[in-house]
Amino acid sequence: MIKRIAYILIIVCCIIVTVGFFRYNPTVIYAKKVPTSAETIVYLNLREIEYNILLSFLKHPFSQLDFKKSSASKEEKKTTLLDEVEVPASLFLYTNTREFKDFFISSPISVKQNFIEALKEEKFTAKNVSKTTVYSKGIISCVVKDNFLQVLLKKDKEAQVSSELLLALNHKSYFSESDLIFDKIKKSEAPVTVSALEGGFFELVVDGGSLRIQGELNKKKNLFKPFKATSVGSSVISVSGKLNTEIVANELDKNLKKKFKKLTTLLLDSVTNKWNGVVEGNLTSFIEKSDTIVTYEYDDDFNKIEKKEIQNTITPEVTLELQGEDLCNYLKEKEVIKRVENEDLLTLMPLFTTYSFCKGDGLKFTSVKDQKLAKETDGSNKFYLLFNVADYQKKDRGIYSFKSEYLDKVNTIQLLVTNNNQLKGTVELKDTSKNFFLQLLN
């Protein structure tokens, strides 16, 4: 009996895999998908993502199901946006530095008759722009024309859909399948790929409960300059590298610059001009301290009454090193660094005392006066970033705590840029048996 069940399961799996091979490996249609004005393309192989989830289910069938959620959910099923969309086998998103600069634009998606009603049900607000109705919610805007939908994803939440942008959607010139921008996309089997017209290509590969980002950066417009990155093994958060300050200054959002000036009274452009791009920061732990605060009150008879209160404080044990010959003097001139009781302190950090140490071509900030870190240099990488999310969130960090339904699932985030401009990133989830995409959808 057991053998018979096993044989049946094997046959069913073989049928699913065989049928899946033909369903999930469709011929990609490139015609009239991406306009020639696009400079960066994101290709989503939706069938490959679906197939990836299916294979994960076959390998670990019971771990993929959330029985508590399914048993508790007995509400009447309502029509969703996905029910009113003809989900394509693949989807292109594109952008450029001109008319599309604040958005990623999707290739056309076929929609059903009640799609507009579904948008309204999902609380999308309608707005007329140059005689075109644009439906928006958060960072998503939708433009529907002739039963086809184009999704506009905002890079900046303050971005507005303009008449010029809508006019640019009516493009007539498209890349052909033979164009170089599609060359590496066609050769890749990854579910998500990114290709840039000026060079640069990335793949997003799912391996169980982890997502790997791998590829090559554009050599002409590279954010990362030559540097010997360092790391501290005990760090919860660690970053080390040298950034191209010119690119950073050009990419910074205007609203961010305004907020920075309002918060610090400094011009962000002036700071980047003084900074040479080197940054090395580490958060190694949190210092928890309890202090007894004694206060006095008087009763109706003017008797002095002592009151004791326990005050708990949490201070991040953090260091930050920046380089730039005039950066330290500039911050002192602007009184961002002040001399207080024979100590140079950073006045922009009201949450905890931040010591400042000027040295040669840069400066160092630290929350612990005599903190020294054992750094390790890796000569093969010019940029290093590590965020041990699970370690950060395992305890209550007081005012430094943050909660996110997505970050709560993450174990670690790591990003490396090698000396030969190879980018390697990993997002590892806590549950390694359950498919990454499936956890993201849940």
Protein backbone atom coordinates (compact mmCIF):
# COMPACT_ATOMS: atom_id res chain seq x y z
CA MET A 1 0.00 0.00 0.00
CA ILE A 2 2.80 2.41 0.94
CA LYS A 3 4.72 1.54 -2.24
CA ARG A 4 1.61 2.17 -4.30
CA ILE A 5 1.10 5.61 -2.76
CA ALA A 6 4.77 6.39 -3.32
CA TYR A 7 4.54 5.38 -7.00
CA ILE A 8 1.42 7.52 -7.46
CA LEU A 9 3.17 10.54 -5.89
CA ILE A 10 6.22 10.04 -8.14
CA ILE A 11 4.00 9.82 -11.25
CA VAL A 12 2.06 12.96 -10.21
CA CYS A 13 5.33 14.87 -9.62
CA CYS A 14 6.66 13.77 -13.01
CA ILE A 15 3.48 14.93 -14.73
CA ILE A 16 3.61 18.30 -12.94
CA VAL A 17 7.27 18.82 -13.82
CA THR A 18 6.73 17.75 -17.45
CA VAL A 19 3.67 19.95 -17.94
CA GLY A 20 5.46 22.71 -16.06
CA PHE A 21 8.39 22.57 -18.45
CA PHE A 22 6.14 23.58 -21.35
CA ARG A 23 3.97 25.99 -19.34
CA TYR A 24 6.77 27.80 -17.56
CA ASN A 25 9.19 28.07 -20.47
CA PRO A 26 7.13 30.12 -22.93
CA THR A 27 8.52 32.05 -25.87
CA VAL A 28 9.22 35.60 -24.70
CA ILE A 29 7.59 38.28 -26.84
CA TYR A 30 9.75 41.40 -27.16
CA ALA A 31 7.71 43.23 -29.79
CA LYS A 32 6.19 46.55 -28.64
CA LYS A 33 7.24 45.99 -25.04
CA VAL A 34 10.07 48.45 -24.29
CA PRO A 35 10.50 51.86 -26.00
CA THR A 36 13.91 52.87 -27.36
CA SER A 37 14.02 55.78 -24.89
CA ALA A 38 14.41 53.30 -22.00
CA GLU A 39 17.85 53.15 -20.37
CA THR A 40 17.23 50.48 -17.73
CA ILE A 41 15.03 47.39 -18.06
CA VAL A 42 13.76 45.05 -15.34
CA TYR A 43 12.53 41.73 -16.76
CA LEU A 44 10.15 39.68 -14.59
CA ASN A 45 9.74 36.09 -15.73
CA LEU A 46 6.42 35.51 -13.97
CA ARG A 47 6.10 31.94 -15.21
CA GLU A 48 9.56 31.13 -13.86
CA ILE A 49 8.61 32.62 -10.49
CA GLU A 50 5.45 30.51 -10.45
CA TYR A 51 7.43 27.41 -11.43
CA ASN A 52 9.99 28.21 -8.72
CA ILE A 53 7.23 28.24 -6.11
CA LEU A 54 5.79 24.99 -7.48
CA LEU A 55 9.12 23.17 -7.27
CA SER A 56 9.61 24.45 -3.73
CA PHE A 57 6.19 23.06 -2.84
CA LEU A 58 7.10 19.63 -4.28
CA LYS A 59 10.33 19.55 -2.25
CA HIS A 60 8.78 20.72 1.05
CA PRO A 61 4.97 20.33 0.67
CA PHE A 62 3.98 20.74 4.32
CA SER A 63 6.28 23.68 5.14
CA GLN A 64 4.74 25.75 2.31
CA LEU A 65 1.26 25.75 3.81
CA ASP A 66 0.07 28.03 6.59
CA PHE A 67 -2.61 25.90 8.23
CA LYS A 68 -3.42 28.46 10.95
CA LYS A 69 -4.03 31.16 8.38
CA SER A 70 -6.10 28.95 6.08
CA SER A 71 -8.23 27.51 8.91
CA ALA A 72 -8.86 30.92 10.45
CA SER A 73 -9.80 32.51 7.14
CA LYS A 74 -13.46 31.74 6.53
CA GLU A 75 -14.46 35.09 5.13
CA GLU A 76 -16.29 35.33 1.85
CA LYS A 77 -13.82 35.63 -1.01
CA LYS A 78 -13.98 39.01 -2.75
CA THR A 79 -12.87 39.98 -6.22
CA THR A 80 -9.28 41.26 -6.28
CA LEU A 81 -7.28 43.19 -8.83
CA LEU A 82 -5.49 40.02 -9.91
CA ASP A 83 -8.85 38.46 -10.78
CA GLU A 84 -9.39 41.26 -13.29
CA VAL A 85 -5.94 41.03 -14.90
CA GLU A 86 -4.72 38.65 -17.60
CA VAL A 87 -1.46 37.77 -15.87
CA PRO A 88 1.22 37.65 -18.59
CA ALA A 89 3.97 35.06 -18.82
CA SER A 90 6.52 37.82 -18.41
CA LEU A 91 6.60 41.53 -17.69
CA PHE A 92 9.01 44.37 -18.48
CA LEU A 93 9.57 47.46 -16.34
CA TYR A 94 11.64 50.31 -17.73
CA THR A 95 12.90 53.77 -16.84
CA ASN A 96 15.36 56.47 -17.97
CA THR A 97 16.87 59.73 -16.73
CA ARG A 98 14.51 61.94 -18.73
CA GLU A 99 10.73 61.67 -18.99
CA PHE A 100 10.49 58.43 -16.94
CA LYS A 101 13.14 59.39 -14.35
CA ASP A 102 10.81 59.26 -11.32
CA PHE A 103 8.99 56.09 -12.37
CA PHE A 104 9.33 52.49 -13.49
CA ILE A 105 6.83 51.91 -16.31
CA SER A 106 5.39 48.46 -17.03
CA SER A 107 4.83 46.97 -20.45
CA PRO A 108 1.09 46.76 -21.38
CA ILE A 109 -1.03 44.24 -19.43
CA SER A 110 -4.39 43.01 -20.67
CA VAL A 111 -7.26 43.63 -18.23
CA LYS A 112 -10.83 42.37 -17.94
CA GLN A 113 -14.10 44.25 -18.08
CA ASN A 114 -14.46 45.01 -14.36
CA PHE A 115 -10.87 46.15 -13.73
CA ILE A 116 -11.82 49.81 -13.12
CA GLU A 117 -14.42 48.76 -10.54
CA ALA A 118 -11.78 46.61 -8.82
CA LEU A 119 -9.45 49.63 -8.67
CA LYS A 120 -12.15 51.70 -6.99
CA GLU A 121 -12.90 48.86 -4.56
CA GLU A 122 -9.20 48.79 -3.61
CA LYS A 123 -9.41 52.53 -2.76
CA PHE A 124 -7.48 53.82 -5.77
CA THR A 125 -8.24 57.51 -6.29
CA ALA A 126 -8.97 58.84 -9.77
CA LYS A 127 -7.41 62.02 -11.16
CA ASN A 128 -7.68 63.54 -14.64
CA VAL A 129 -4.34 64.50 -16.20
CA SER A 130 -4.51 65.90 -19.74
CA LYS A 131 -7.86 64.17 -20.40
CA THR A 132 -6.46 60.85 -19.14
CA THR A 133 -7.77 59.24 -15.95
CA VAL A 134 -4.95 58.11 -13.66
CA TYR A 135 -5.76 55.82 -10.72
CA SER A 136 -3.30 56.07 -7.81
CA LYS A 137 -2.68 54.47 -4.43
CA GLY A 138 0.61 54.89 -2.59
CA ILE A 139 3.52 54.46 -4.98
CA ILE A 140 1.34 52.75 -7.64
CA SER A 141 -0.42 54.58 -10.46
CA CYS A 142 -2.47 52.90 -13.19
CA VAL A 143 -3.29 54.10 -16.68
CA VAL A 144 -5.93 52.08 -18.58
CA LYS A 145 -6.45 52.45 -22.32
CA ASP A 146 -8.18 50.11 -24.80
CA ASN A 147 -8.40 47.25 -22.25
CA PHE A 148 -4.67 47.49 -21.56
CA LEU A 149 -3.09 48.60 -18.30
CA GLN A 150 0.26 50.26 -17.70
CA VAL A 151 1.52 50.38 -14.13
CA LEU A 152 3.65 53.36 -13.06
CA LEU A 153 5.76 52.63 -9.95
CA LYS A 154 7.05 55.74 -8.20
CA LYS A 155 10.73 55.82 -7.25
CA ASP A 156 9.94 58.79 -5.05
CA LYS A 157 6.61 58.86 -3.20
CA GLU A 158 6.33 62.61 -3.89
CA ALA A 159 6.56 62.13 -7.69
CA GLN A 160 3.55 63.26 -9.72
CA VAL A 161 2.18 61.84 -12.97
CA SER A 162 2.55 64.71 -15.44
CA SER A 163 1.07 65.34 -18.88
CA GLU A 164 4.60 65.00 -20.34
CA LEU A 165 4.92 61.55 -18.80
CA LEU A 166 1.57 60.43 -20.19
CA LEU A 167 2.54 61.77 -23.61
CA ALA A 168 5.78 59.74 -23.45
CA LEU A 169 3.72 56.57 -22.88
CA ASN A 170 2.37 56.93 -26.43
CA HIS A 171 5.73 55.93 -27.91
CA LYS A 172 5.98 54.40 -31.35
CA SER A 173 9.59 53.23 -31.46
CA TYR A 174 10.51 50.00 -29.66
CA PHE A 175 13.62 47.89 -29.14
CA SER A 176 13.75 44.79 -31.31
CA GLU A 177 14.64 41.32 -30.02
CA SER A 178 18.09 41.59 -31.55
CA ASP A 179 19.03 44.76 -29.63
CA LEU A 180 21.99 44.43 -27.28
CA ILE A 181 19.98 45.45 -24.20
CA PHE A 182 18.10 42.11 -24.41
CA ASP A 183 21.18 39.98 -25.06
CA LYS A 184 21.96 38.90 -21.48
CA ILE A 185 18.27 38.76 -20.54
CA LYS A 186 17.67 36.10 -23.19
CA LYS A 187 20.62 34.01 -21.95
CA SER A 188 19.62 34.18 -18.29
CA GLU A 189 17.37 31.64 -16.54
CA ALA A 190 16.89 33.86 -13.48
CA PRO A 191 13.30 34.86 -12.58
CA VAL A 192 14.28 38.57 -12.35
CA THR A 193 16.97 40.33 -14.38
CA VAL A 194 18.06 43.96 -14.74
CA SER A 195 19.82 45.27 -17.84
CA ALA A 196 21.12 48.80 -18.52
CA LEU A 197 21.73 50.37 -21.93
CA GLU A 198 25.12 51.79 -20.86
CA GLY A 199 26.25 48.44 -19.44
CA GLY A 200 25.56 46.66 -16.20
CA PHE A 201 23.51 43.52 -15.70
CA PHE A 202 22.03 41.83 -12.61
CA GLU A 203 20.24 38.59 -11.86
CA LEU A 204 18.00 37.82 -8.90
CA VAL A 205 18.18 34.11 -8.11
CA VAL A 206 16.02 32.38 -5.51
CA ASP A 207 17.48 29.50 -3.55
CA GLY A 208 14.91 28.23 -1.05
CA GLY A 209 14.43 30.95 1.54
CA SER A 210 17.19 33.21 0.26
CA LEU A 211 17.51 35.70 -2.58
CA ARG A 212 20.86 36.17 -4.32
CA ILE A 213 21.67 39.25 -6.38
CA GLN A 214 24.61 38.86 -8.71
CA GLY A 215 25.90 40.80 -11.69
CA GLU A 216 28.25 43.40 -13.06
CA LEU A 217 28.16 47.14 -12.42
CA ASN A 218 28.46 49.74 -15.15
CA LYS A 219 32.15 50.67 -15.30
CA LYS A 220 31.53 54.14 -16.76
CA LYS A 221 28.98 55.24 -14.15
CA ASN A 222 30.14 53.38 -11.06
CA LEU A 223 28.93 54.41 -7.63
CA PHE A 224 31.79 52.58 -5.90
CA LYS A 225 35.39 53.79 -6.12
CA PRO A 226 38.54 51.68 -5.51
CA PHE A 227 38.95 50.93 -1.81
CA LYS A 228 39.94 48.15 0.60
CA ALA A 229 36.75 47.40 2.49
CA THR A 230 36.89 46.36 6.13
CA SER A 231 34.53 44.40 8.35
CA VAL A 232 34.04 43.82 12.08
CA GLY A 233 32.95 40.28 12.89
CA SER A 234 30.87 41.22 15.94
CA SER A 235 28.87 43.97 14.20
CA VAL A 236 25.11 43.95 13.94
CA ILE A 237 25.40 46.52 11.13
CA SER A 238 28.63 47.12 9.24
CA VAL A 239 29.37 49.24 6.16
CA SER A 240 32.69 50.07 4.50
CA GLY A 241 33.55 51.59 1.14
CA LYS A 242 34.25 54.68 -0.93
CA LEU A 243 31.37 56.22 -2.88
CA ASN A 244 31.47 58.47 -5.91
CA THR A 245 30.26 61.70 -4.28
CA GLU A 246 29.44 63.29 -7.64
CA ILE A 247 26.96 60.52 -8.44
CA VAL A 248 25.60 60.62 -4.89
CA ALA A 249 25.00 64.39 -5.13
CA ASN A 250 23.23 64.04 -8.50
CA GLU A 251 20.99 61.20 -7.30
CA LEU A 252 19.93 62.80 -4.02
CA ASP A 253 16.29 63.76 -3.94
CA LYS A 254 15.40 67.48 -3.59
CA ASN A 255 12.98 66.76 -0.76
CA LEU A 256 15.70 64.86 1.09
CA LYS A 257 18.01 67.88 0.74
CA LYS A 258 15.29 70.15 2.16
CA LYS A 259 14.67 67.82 5.11
CA PHE A 260 18.41 67.54 5.78
CA LYS A 261 18.78 71.34 5.85
CA LYS A 262 15.76 71.72 8.12
CA LEU A 263 17.13 69.10 10.52
CA THR A 264 20.80 70.13 10.52
CA THR A 265 20.87 73.69 9.05
CA LEU A 266 23.51 72.32 6.65
CA LEU A 267 23.41 72.16 2.87
CA LEU A 268 23.73 68.51 1.85
CA ASP A 269 25.55 69.50 -1.36
CA SER A 270 28.15 71.38 0.71
CA VAL A 271 28.72 68.32 2.90
CA THR A 272 29.20 66.01 -0.11
CA ASN A 273 31.65 68.53 -1.63
CA LYS A 274 33.81 68.35 1.52
CA TRP A 275 33.48 64.55 1.80
CA ASN A 276 35.66 62.30 -0.38
CA GLY A 277 33.23 59.38 -0.24
CA VAL A 278 34.93 57.11 2.31
CA VAL A 279 32.53 55.77 4.93
CA GLU A 280 33.12 53.12 7.58
CA GLY A 281 30.41 52.50 10.13
CA ASN A 282 29.70 49.80 12.70
CA LEU A 283 26.93 49.11 15.18
CA THR A 284 28.34 46.42 17.46
CA SER A 285 25.79 46.27 20.29
CA PHE A 286 23.46 48.22 22.57
CA ILE A 287 24.43 49.39 26.05
CA GLU A 288 21.58 49.04 28.54
CA LYS A 289 21.80 51.03 31.75
CA SER A 290 19.49 51.61 34.71
CA ASP A 291 19.79 54.78 36.78
CA THR A 292 17.98 55.71 39.96
CA ILE A 293 16.55 59.21 39.75
CA VAL A 294 15.87 60.80 43.15
CA THR A 295 13.38 63.65 43.40
CA TYR A 296 11.65 65.32 46.35
CA GLU A 297 8.09 66.41 46.97
CA TYR A 298 6.35 68.11 49.90
CA ASP A 299 3.14 66.97 51.55
CA ASP A 300 0.42 69.24 52.94
CA ASP A 301 2.44 69.73 56.13
CA PHE A 302 5.53 70.70 54.13
CA ASN A 303 7.34 67.49 55.02
CA LYS A 304 10.03 66.55 52.52
CA ILE A 305 9.28 63.22 50.81
CA GLU A 306 11.89 61.39 48.78
CA LYS A 307 10.80 59.71 45.53
CA LYS A 308 12.91 57.23 43.62
CA GLU A 309 12.38 56.35 39.98
CA ILE A 310 14.26 53.80 37.87
CA GLN A 311 15.18 55.18 34.47
CA ASN A 312 16.28 52.67 31.82
CA THR A 313 18.38 53.90 28.90
CA ILE A 314 19.56 52.12 25.78
CA THR A 315 22.53 53.51 23.85
CA PRO A 316 23.76 52.06 20.56
CA GLU A 317 27.46 51.22 20.58
CA VAL A 318 28.26 52.76 17.22
CA THR A 319 31.20 54.26 15.31
CA LEU A 320 31.22 56.21 12.06
CA GLU A 321 34.32 57.31 10.16
CA LEU A 322 34.27 59.75 7.23
CA GLN A 323 37.09 61.19 5.16
CA GLY A 324 37.56 64.61 3.60
CA GLU A 325 40.32 67.15 4.21
CA ASP A 326 38.04 70.12 4.99
CA LEU A 327 35.07 68.18 6.38
CA CYS A 328 36.03 68.46 10.05
CA ASN A 329 36.79 72.20 9.88
CA TYR A 330 33.57 72.80 7.95
CA LEU A 331 31.44 71.09 10.62
CA LYS A 332 33.21 73.06 13.35
CA GLU A 333 32.61 76.35 11.52
CA LYS A 334 28.91 75.48 11.28
CA GLU A 335 28.96 74.58 15.00
CA VAL A 336 27.79 71.07 14.25
CA ILE A 337 30.81 69.97 16.26
CA LYS A 338 31.21 71.91 19.52
CA ARG A 339 33.71 71.90 22.37
CA VAL A 340 31.94 70.93 25.60
CA GLU A 341 33.93 70.29 28.82
CA ASN A 342 37.13 69.52 26.91
CA GLU A 343 35.33 67.13 24.56
CA ASP A 344 34.36 67.63 20.90
CA LEU A 345 30.71 66.57 20.60
CA LEU A 346 28.40 66.18 17.62
CA THR A 347 25.39 68.37 18.36
CA LEU A 348 23.14 66.73 15.78
CA MET A 349 22.63 63.59 17.89
CA PRO A 350 20.27 64.49 20.79
CA LEU A 351 19.46 60.85 21.64
CA PHE A 352 22.91 60.03 23.02
CA THR A 353 26.31 61.67 23.52
CA THR A 354 28.37 61.43 20.33
CA TYR A 355 32.10 62.09 20.58
CA SER A 356 33.94 63.58 17.62
CA PHE A 357 37.62 63.07 16.81
CA CYS A 358 39.26 65.00 13.97
CA LYS A 359 42.20 63.25 12.37
CA GLY A 360 44.25 64.19 9.32
CA ASP A 361 42.02 63.78 6.31
CA GLY A 362 38.80 62.93 8.12
CA LEU A 363 36.91 62.48 11.35
CA LYS A 364 35.40 59.81 13.56
CA PHE A 365 32.17 59.76 15.56
CA THR A 366 31.57 57.29 18.36
CA SER A 367 29.04 56.80 21.16
CA VAL A 368 31.72 55.23 23.38
CA LYS A 369 34.70 57.46 24.07
CA ASP A 370 37.52 54.88 23.94
CA GLN A 371 35.92 52.31 21.65
CA LYS A 372 38.38 50.39 19.50
CA LEU A 373 37.29 47.85 16.89
CA ALA A 374 39.25 44.91 15.50
CA LYS A 375 38.81 45.46 11.77
CA GLU A 376 39.54 42.87 9.10
CA THR A 377 40.55 44.02 5.62
CA ASP A 378 39.42 42.03 2.59
CA GLY A 379 41.52 43.05 -0.40
CA SER A 380 39.09 41.50 -2.90
CA ASN A 381 36.12 43.78 -2.05
CA LYS A 382 35.85 47.55 -2.34
CA PHE A 383 32.43 47.76 -0.67
CA TYR A 384 30.95 45.73 2.19
CA LEU A 385 27.55 45.91 3.86
CA LEU A 386 26.10 43.58 6.49
CA PHE A 387 22.86 43.91 8.42
CA ASN A 388 22.12 41.13 10.89
CA VAL A 389 18.40 41.81 11.04
CA ALA A 390 17.48 38.87 13.29
CA ASP A 391 20.13 39.86 15.85
CA TYR A 392 18.93 43.47 15.80
CA GLN A 393 15.29 42.52 16.35
CA LYS A 394 15.72 39.70 18.88
CA LYS A 395 15.39 42.20 21.74
CA ASP A 396 13.43 45.35 22.42
CA ARG A 397 15.70 48.23 21.37
CA GLY A 398 13.47 50.93 22.85
CA ILE A 399 13.27 54.02 20.63
CA TYR A 400 15.66 52.31 18.20
CA SER A 401 13.24 49.44 17.54
CA PHE A 402 11.43 49.17 14.25
CA LYS A 403 8.88 46.71 12.99
CA SER A 404 8.13 45.62 9.46
CA GLU A 405 6.19 42.57 8.28
CA TYR A 406 8.89 41.93 5.68
CA LEU A 407 11.97 42.61 7.83
CA ASP A 408 10.54 40.36 10.55
CA LYS A 409 11.08 37.45 8.13
CA VAL A 410 14.71 38.35 7.34
CA ASN A 411 17.76 36.79 8.97
CA THR A 412 20.62 38.72 7.30
CA ILE A 413 21.23 41.15 4.43
CA GLN A 414 24.68 41.29 2.84
CA LEU A 415 26.07 43.23 -0.12
CA LEU A 416 29.56 43.03 -1.64
CA VAL A 417 31.17 44.85 -4.56
CA THR A 418 34.41 43.25 -5.73
CA ASN A 419 37.43 45.03 -7.20
CA ASN A 420 36.40 43.92 -10.70
CA ASN A 421 32.93 45.50 -10.28
CA GLN A 422 31.03 42.28 -9.56
CA LEU A 423 28.04 42.84 -7.28
CA LYS A 424 27.03 40.06 -4.90
CA GLY A 425 24.10 40.42 -2.55
CA THR A 426 22.13 38.03 -0.36
CA VAL A 427 18.86 38.38 1.52
CA GLU A 428 18.47 35.33 3.75
CA LEU A 429 15.12 34.67 5.41
CA LYS A 430 14.68 32.96 8.78
CA ASP A 431 12.61 30.16 7.24
CA THR A 432 14.95 28.54 4.71
CA SER A 433 12.59 25.72 3.66
CA LYS A 434 9.77 27.95 2.45
CA ASN A 435 10.14 29.61 -0.96
CA PHE A 436 11.30 33.26 -0.90
CA PHE A 437 8.59 34.48 -3.30
CA LEU A 438 5.89 32.61 -1.37
CA GLN A 439 6.98 34.23 1.89
CA LEU A 440 7.06 37.62 0.19
CA LEU A 441 3.49 37.17 -1.09
CA ASN A 442 2.26 36.11 2.34
